[in-house]
C-alpha atoms as a PDB file:
ATOM      1  CA  UNK A   1      52.843 -15.044 -13.906  1.00  0.00           C
ATOM      2  CA  UNK A   2      51.279 -18.516 -13.420  1.00  0.00           C
ATOM      3  CA  UNK A   3      47.639 -19.299 -13.624  1.00  0.00           C
ATOM      4  CA  UNK A   4      46.975 -21.457 -10.665  1.00  0.00           C
ATOM      5  CA  UNK A   5      44.159 -23.342  -8.767  1.00  0.00           C
ATOM      6  CA  UNK A   6      43.754 -25.816  -5.835  1.00  0.00           C
ATOM      7  CA  UNK A   7      41.746 -29.036  -6.667  1.00  0.00           C
ATOM      8  CA  UNK A   8      40.987 -32.420  -5.453  1.00  0.00           C
ATOM      9  CA  UNK A   9      41.688 -34.659  -8.396  1.00  0.00           C
ATOM     10  CA  UNK A  10      39.533 -37.517  -9.767  1.00  0.00           C
ATOM     11  CA  UNK A  11      40.911 -41.156  -9.925  1.00  0.00           C
ATOM     12  CA  UNK A  12      40.983 -42.736 -13.425  1.00  0.00           C
ATOM     13  CA  UNK A  13      38.118 -45.224 -12.865  1.00  0.00           C
ATOM     14  CA  UNK A  14      35.729 -42.356 -11.944  1.00  0.00           C
ATOM     15  CA  UNK A  15      37.019 -40.174 -14.639  1.00  0.00           C
ATOM     16  CA  UNK A  16      36.234 -42.930 -17.183  1.00  0.00           C
ATOM     17  CA  UNK A  17      32.662 -43.352 -15.929  1.00  0.00           C
ATOM     18  CA  UNK A  18      32.182 -39.433 -16.065  1.00  0.00           C
ATOM     19  CA  UNK A  19      33.733 -39.554 -19.627  1.00  0.00           C
ATOM     20  CA  UNK A  20      31.092 -42.229 -20.740  1.00  0.00           C
ATOM     21  CA  UNK A  21      28.301 -40.001 -19.285  1.00  0.00           C
ATOM     22  CA  UNK A  22      29.790 -36.989 -21.217  1.00  0.00           C
ATOM     23  CA  UNK A  23      29.964 -39.148 -24.391  1.00  0.00           C
ATOM     24  CA  UNK A  24      26.367 -40.071 -23.848  1.00  0.00           C
ATOM     25  CA  UNK A  25      25.263 -36.367 -23.536  1.00  0.00           C
ATOM     26  CA  UNK A  26      27.442 -35.363 -26.600  1.00  0.00           C
ATOM     27  CA  UNK A  27      25.368 -37.841 -28.743  1.00  0.00           C
ATOM     28  CA  UNK A  28      22.166 -36.341 -27.641  1.00  0.00           C
ATOM     29  CA  UNK A  29      23.370 -32.782 -27.558  1.00  0.00           C
ATOM     30  CA  UNK A  30      25.591 -32.201 -30.607  1.00  0.00           C
ATOM     31  CA  UNK A  31      25.601 -28.468 -30.167  1.00  0.00           C
ATOM     32  CA  UNK A  32      28.333 -25.900 -30.532  1.00  0.00           C
ATOM     33  CA  UNK A  33      27.154 -23.940 -27.756  1.00  0.00           C
ATOM     34  CA  UNK A  34      28.551 -26.600 -25.506  1.00  0.00           C
ATOM     35  CA  UNK A  35      32.223 -26.407 -24.742  1.00  0.00           C
ATOM     36  CA  UNK A  36      33.122 -30.018 -23.251  1.00  0.00           C
ATOM     37  CA  UNK A  37      35.835 -30.338 -20.738  1.00  0.00           C
ATOM     38  CA  UNK A  38      38.380 -32.818 -21.607  1.00  0.00           C
ATOM     39  CA  UNK A  39      38.147 -35.950 -19.316  1.00  0.00           C
ATOM     40  CA  UNK A  40      41.667 -35.633 -18.161  1.00  0.00           C
ATOM     41  CA  UNK A  41      40.742 -32.328 -16.862  1.00  0.00           C
ATOM     42  CA  UNK A  42      37.923 -33.339 -14.597  1.00  0.00           C
ATOM     43  CA  UNK A  43      38.500 -32.235 -10.936  1.00  0.00           C
ATOM     44  CA  UNK A  44      36.873 -30.713  -7.964  1.00  0.00           C
ATOM     45  CA  UNK A  45      38.081 -26.931  -7.689  1.00  0.00           C
ATOM     46  CA  UNK A  46      38.686 -25.761  -4.159  1.00  0.00           C
ATOM     47  CA  UNK A  47      39.966 -22.272  -5.048  1.00  0.00           C
ATOM     48  CA  UNK A  48      40.916 -20.648  -8.399  1.00  0.00           C
ATOM     49  CA  UNK A  49      43.728 -18.231  -7.936  1.00  0.00           C
ATOM     50  CA  UNK A  50      44.163 -16.937 -11.412  1.00  0.00           C
ATOM     51  CA  UNK A  51      47.248 -15.303 -12.562  1.00  0.00           C
ATOM     52  CA  UNK A  52      49.884 -15.229  -9.767  1.00  0.00           C
ATOM     53  CA  UNK A  53      53.388 -13.921  -9.722  1.00  0.00           C
ATOM     54  CA  UNK A  54      56.218 -16.602  -9.256  1.00  0.00           C
ATOM     55  CA  UNK A  55      57.421 -14.948  -6.109  1.00  0.00           C
ATOM     56  CA  UNK A  56      54.118 -15.768  -4.298  1.00  0.00           C
ATOM     57  CA  UNK A  57      54.542 -19.503  -5.002  1.00  0.00           C
ATOM     58  CA  UNK A  58      56.129 -20.244  -1.673  1.00  0.00           C
ATOM     59  CA  UNK A  59      53.478 -18.409   0.313  1.00  0.00           C
ATOM     60  CA  UNK A  60      50.711 -20.245  -1.670  1.00  0.00           C
ATOM     61  CA  UNK A  61      52.484 -23.712  -0.997  1.00  0.00           C
ATOM     62  CA  UNK A  62      52.519 -22.957   2.678  1.00  0.00           C
ATOM     63  CA  UNK A  63      48.905 -21.767   2.714  1.00  0.00           C
ATOM     64  CA  UNK A  64      47.653 -25.054   0.930  1.00  0.00           C
ATOM     65  CA  UNK A  65      50.057 -27.073   3.169  1.00  0.00           C
ATOM     66  CA  UNK A  66      48.328 -25.678   6.188  1.00  0.00           C
ATOM     67  CA  UNK A  67      44.864 -26.227   4.981  1.00  0.00           C
ATOM     68  CA  UNK A  68      45.508 -29.808   4.014  1.00  0.00           C
ATOM     69  CA  UNK A  69      47.016 -30.478   7.512  1.00  0.00           C
ATOM     70  CA  UNK A  70      43.681 -29.501   9.034  1.00  0.00           C
ATOM     71  CA  UNK A  71      41.482 -32.098   7.380  1.00  0.00           C
ATOM     72  CA  UNK A  72      41.710 -35.913   7.463  1.00  0.00           C
ATOM     73  CA  UNK A  73      41.226 -38.092   4.405  1.00  0.00           C
ATOM     74  CA  UNK A  74      37.602 -38.553   3.527  1.00  0.00           C
ATOM     75  CA  UNK A  75      35.281 -40.185   0.975  1.00  0.00           C
ATOM     76  CA  UNK A  76      33.942 -38.294  -1.946  1.00  0.00           C
ATOM     77  CA  UNK A  77      30.783 -39.654  -3.617  1.00  0.00           C
ATOM     78  CA  UNK A  78      30.082 -38.265  -7.169  1.00  0.00           C
ATOM     79  CA  UNK A  79      26.274 -38.257  -7.987  1.00  0.00           C
ATOM     80  CA  UNK A  80      23.922 -36.624 -10.308  1.00  0.00           C
ATOM     81  CA  UNK A  81      24.003 -34.010 -13.051  1.00  0.00           C
ATOM     82  CA  UNK A  82      22.910 -30.298 -12.954  1.00  0.00           C
ATOM     83  CA  UNK A  83      23.639 -26.816 -14.161  1.00  0.00           C
ATOM     84  CA  UNK A  84      24.859 -23.502 -12.624  1.00  0.00           C
ATOM     85  CA  UNK A  85      23.296 -20.999 -12.192  1.00  0.00           C
ATOM     86  CA  UNK A  86      19.851 -22.271 -12.976  1.00  0.00           C
ATOM     87  CA  UNK A  87      17.768 -23.821 -15.760  1.00  0.00           C
ATOM     88  CA  UNK A  88      16.623 -20.602 -17.137  1.00  0.00           C
ATOM     89  CA  UNK A  89      20.260 -19.466 -17.830  1.00  0.00           C
ATOM     90  CA  UNK A  90      22.492 -22.618 -17.836  1.00  0.00           C
ATOM     91  CA  UNK A  91      26.242 -21.817 -18.089  1.00  0.00           C
ATOM     92  CA  UNK A  92      27.803 -24.848 -16.476  1.00  0.00           C
ATOM     93  CA  UNK A  93      26.828 -28.496 -16.734  1.00  0.00           C
ATOM     94  CA  UNK A  94      28.236 -30.356 -13.772  1.00  0.00           C
ATOM     95  CA  UNK A  95      28.306 -33.658 -11.796  1.00  0.00           C
ATOM     96  CA  UNK A  96      27.698 -33.225  -8.142  1.00  0.00           C
ATOM     97  CA  UNK A  97      29.342 -34.293  -4.844  1.00  0.00           C
ATOM     98  CA  UNK A  98      26.928 -35.976  -2.478  1.00  0.00           C
ATOM     99  CA  UNK A  99      29.171 -37.249   0.225  1.00  0.00           C
ATOM    100  CA  UNK A 100      32.315 -35.261   1.288  1.00  0.00           C
ATOM    101  CA  UNK A 101      30.844 -31.696   0.903  1.00  0.00           C
ATOM    102  CA  UNK A 102      31.562 -30.818   4.381  1.00  0.00           C
ATOM    103  CA  UNK A 103      35.356 -31.412   4.388  1.00  0.00           C
ATOM    104  CA  UNK A 104      35.648 -30.047   0.791  1.00  0.00           C
ATOM    105  CA  UNK A 105      33.846 -26.777   2.092  1.00  0.00           C
ATOM    106  CA  UNK A 106      36.195 -26.647   5.043  1.00  0.00           C
ATOM    107  CA  UNK A 107      39.258 -26.853   2.770  1.00  0.00           C
ATOM    108  CA  UNK A 108      37.731 -24.250   0.440  1.00  0.00           C
ATOM    109  CA  UNK A 109      37.044 -21.971   3.206  1.00  0.00           C
ATOM    110  CA  UNK A 110      40.436 -22.310   4.729  1.00  0.00           C
ATOM    111  CA  UNK A 111      42.098 -21.773   1.417  1.00  0.00           C
ATOM    112  CA  UNK A 112      40.097 -18.624   0.930  1.00  0.00           C
ATOM    113  CA  UNK A 113      41.068 -17.299   4.359  1.00  0.00           C
ATOM    114  CA  UNK A 114      44.675 -17.979   3.719  1.00  0.00           C
ATOM    115  CA  UNK A 115      44.982 -16.823   0.267  1.00  0.00           C
ATOM    116  CA  UNK A 116      42.339 -14.272  -0.588  1.00  0.00           C
ATOM    117  CA  UNK A 117      42.249 -10.754   0.835  1.00  0.00           C
ATOM    118  CA  UNK A 118      38.433 -10.698   0.413  1.00  0.00           C
ATOM    119  CA  UNK A 119      36.571 -14.200   0.682  1.00  0.00           C
ATOM    120  CA  UNK A 120      34.380 -15.089  -2.255  1.00  0.00           C
ATOM    121  CA  UNK A 121      30.780 -14.010  -1.898  1.00  0.00           C
ATOM    122  CA  UNK A 122      29.036 -16.969  -3.543  1.00  0.00           C
ATOM    123  CA  UNK A 123      28.865 -20.231  -1.386  1.00  0.00           C
ATOM    124  CA  UNK A 124      31.272 -23.043  -2.270  1.00  0.00           C
ATOM    125  CA  UNK A 125      29.416 -25.939  -4.208  1.00  0.00           C
ATOM    126  CA  UNK A 126      31.477 -28.976  -4.796  1.00  0.00           C
ATOM    127  CA  UNK A 127      31.095 -30.237  -8.372  1.00  0.00           C
ATOM    128  CA  UNK A 128      33.005 -31.408 -11.538  1.00  0.00           C
ATOM    129  CA  UNK A 129      32.397 -29.294 -14.521  1.00  0.00           C
ATOM    130  CA  UNK A 130      31.574 -31.467 -17.687  1.00  0.00           C
ATOM    131  CA  UNK A 131      30.712 -28.591 -20.092  1.00  0.00           C
ATOM    132  CA  UNK A 132      30.530 -24.765 -20.259  1.00  0.00           C
ATOM    133  CA  UNK A 133      27.368 -23.359 -22.091  1.00  0.00           C
ATOM    134  CA  UNK A 134      27.382 -20.251 -24.186  1.00  0.00           C
ATOM    135  CA  UNK A 135      24.736 -17.520 -23.084  1.00  0.00           C
ATOM    136  CA  UNK A 136      21.372 -17.353 -24.588  1.00  0.00           C
ATOM    137  CA  UNK A 137      20.601 -21.061 -25.478  1.00  0.00           C
ATOM    138  CA  UNK A 138      17.055 -21.453 -24.408  1.00  0.00           C
ATOM    139  CA  UNK A 139      16.348 -24.263 -26.760  1.00  0.00           C
ATOM    140  CA  UNK A 140      19.478 -25.969 -25.644  1.00  0.00           C
ATOM    141  CA  UNK A 141      18.509 -25.574 -22.015  1.00  0.00           C
ATOM    142  CA  UNK A 142      15.217 -27.439 -22.695  1.00  0.00           C
ATOM    143  CA  UNK A 143      17.133 -30.312 -24.514  1.00  0.00           C
ATOM    144  CA  UNK A 144      19.737 -30.497 -21.895  1.00  0.00           C
ATOM    145  CA  UNK A 145      17.122 -30.665 -19.111  1.00  0.00           C
ATOM    146  CA  UNK A 146      15.524 -33.631 -20.843  1.00  0.00           C
ATOM    147  CA  UNK A 147      18.900 -35.418 -20.823  1.00  0.00           C
ATOM    148  CA  UNK A 148      19.906 -34.434 -17.265  1.00  0.00           C
ATOM    149  CA  UNK A 149      16.535 -34.851 -15.460  1.00  0.00           C
ATOM    150  CA  UNK A 150      16.645 -38.799 -15.645  1.00  0.00           C
ATOM    151  CA  UNK A 151      20.399 -38.785 -14.319  1.00  0.00           C
ATOM    152  CA  UNK A 152      19.913 -36.190 -11.698  1.00  0.00           C
ATOM    153  CA  UNK A 153      20.438 -38.817  -8.979  1.00  0.00           C
ATOM    154  CA  UNK A 154      22.790 -41.194 -10.795  1.00  0.00           C
ATOM    155  CA  UNK A 155      25.724 -42.505  -8.822  1.00  0.00           C
ATOM    156  CA  UNK A 156      28.960 -42.343 -10.812  1.00  0.00           C
ATOM    157  CA  UNK A 157      31.199 -43.639  -7.935  1.00  0.00           C
ATOM    158  CA  UNK A 158      33.054 -42.767  -4.761  1.00  0.00           C
ATOM    159  CA  UNK A 159      36.609 -42.519  -3.800  1.00  0.00           C
ATOM    160  CA  UNK A 160      38.975 -41.722  -0.946  1.00  0.00           C
ATOM    161  CA  UNK A 161      40.467 -38.207  -0.951  1.00  0.00           C
ATOM    162  CA  UNK A 162      43.904 -38.315   0.495  1.00  0.00           C
ATOM    163  CA  UNK A 163      45.407 -35.149  -0.974  1.00  0.00           C
ATOM    164  CA  UNK A 164      44.824 -31.927  -2.602  1.00  0.00           C
ATOM    165  CA  UNK A 165      46.734 -30.545  -5.436  1.00  0.00           C
ATOM    166  CA  UNK A 166      48.178 -27.136  -6.483  1.00  0.00           C
ATOM    167  CA  UNK A 167      47.507 -26.959 -10.253  1.00  0.00           C
ATOM    168  CA  UNK A 168      48.977 -25.010 -13.175  1.00  0.00           C
ATOM    169  CA  UNK A 169      46.416 -24.096 -15.884  1.00  0.00           C
ATOM    170  CA  UNK A 170      47.715 -23.222 -19.307  1.00  0.00           C
ATOM    171  CA  UNK A 171      45.463 -21.850 -21.853  1.00  0.00           C
ATOM    172  CA  UNK A 172      46.199 -23.370 -25.398  1.00  0.00           C
ATOM    173  CA  UNK A 173      44.146 -23.179 -28.757  1.00  0.00           C
ATOM    174  CA  UNK A 174      43.233 -26.783 -28.178  1.00  0.00           C
ATOM    175  CA  UNK A 175      41.762 -25.807 -24.813  1.00  0.00           C
ATOM    176  CA  UNK A 176      43.046 -25.668 -21.055  1.00  0.00           C
ATOM    177  CA  UNK A 177      46.004 -28.004 -19.964  1.00  0.00           C
ATOM    178  CA  UNK A 178      46.469 -28.657 -16.367  1.00  0.00           C
ATOM    179  CA  UNK A 179      49.587 -29.809 -14.686  1.00  0.00           C
ATOM    180  CA  UNK A 180      49.897 -30.847 -10.962  1.00  0.00           C
ATOM    181  CA  UNK A 181      52.647 -28.777  -9.440  1.00  0.00           C
ATOM    182  CA  UNK A 182      52.495 -30.217  -5.984  1.00  0.00           C
ATOM    183  CA  UNK A 183      50.421 -32.722  -3.925  1.00  0.00           C
ATOM    184  CA  UNK A 184      49.709 -32.034  -0.295  1.00  0.00           C
ATOM    185  CA  UNK A 185      48.718 -35.006   1.864  1.00  0.00           C
ATOM    186  CA  UNK A 186      45.684 -34.603   3.994  1.00  0.00           C
ATOM    187  CA  UNK A 187      46.191 -34.988   7.964  1.00  0.00           C
ATOM    188  CA  UNK A 188      46.410 -38.480   8.968  1.00  0.00           C
ATOM    189  CA  UNK A 189      44.565 -39.307  12.330  1.00  0.00           C
END
């Protein structure tokens, strides 16, 4: 079995700027309730497939190739900070995507149609996860809001998305380790 997902990866310069923001937040929120994502793992998830048998890999590759061939390269603008699902019960701290949401959503929907028996019920929301938050942390939510509110519209950068990636996720005691299995170029006009 292989734990797989499809993603748009983040270029090193933007990864560095998000890591700087993450370091700033860590200084103000040195709390064990926050599990910080390693900067080298920053990405935009298009579809999480979970555990998949190796014999399904060729069908997955074919579906990802088909989806990537239907969308031309586009600009992604990473901007702002927020939480999922809401400020009453924050579980994920993220940086958002301001520009590029339409093609990202199109890719996510096409991947769901091609790879899932039942499409996901929750709407796709393009983002980069910076931290996960343990449940029941109302005092942390207030402190987090104080740090995020001034940065809710901060522009972290933009880049050209030219491909999507099939990723392998391995769970280790030190956290998740991601490996790009294959890169699929987006359609060229």
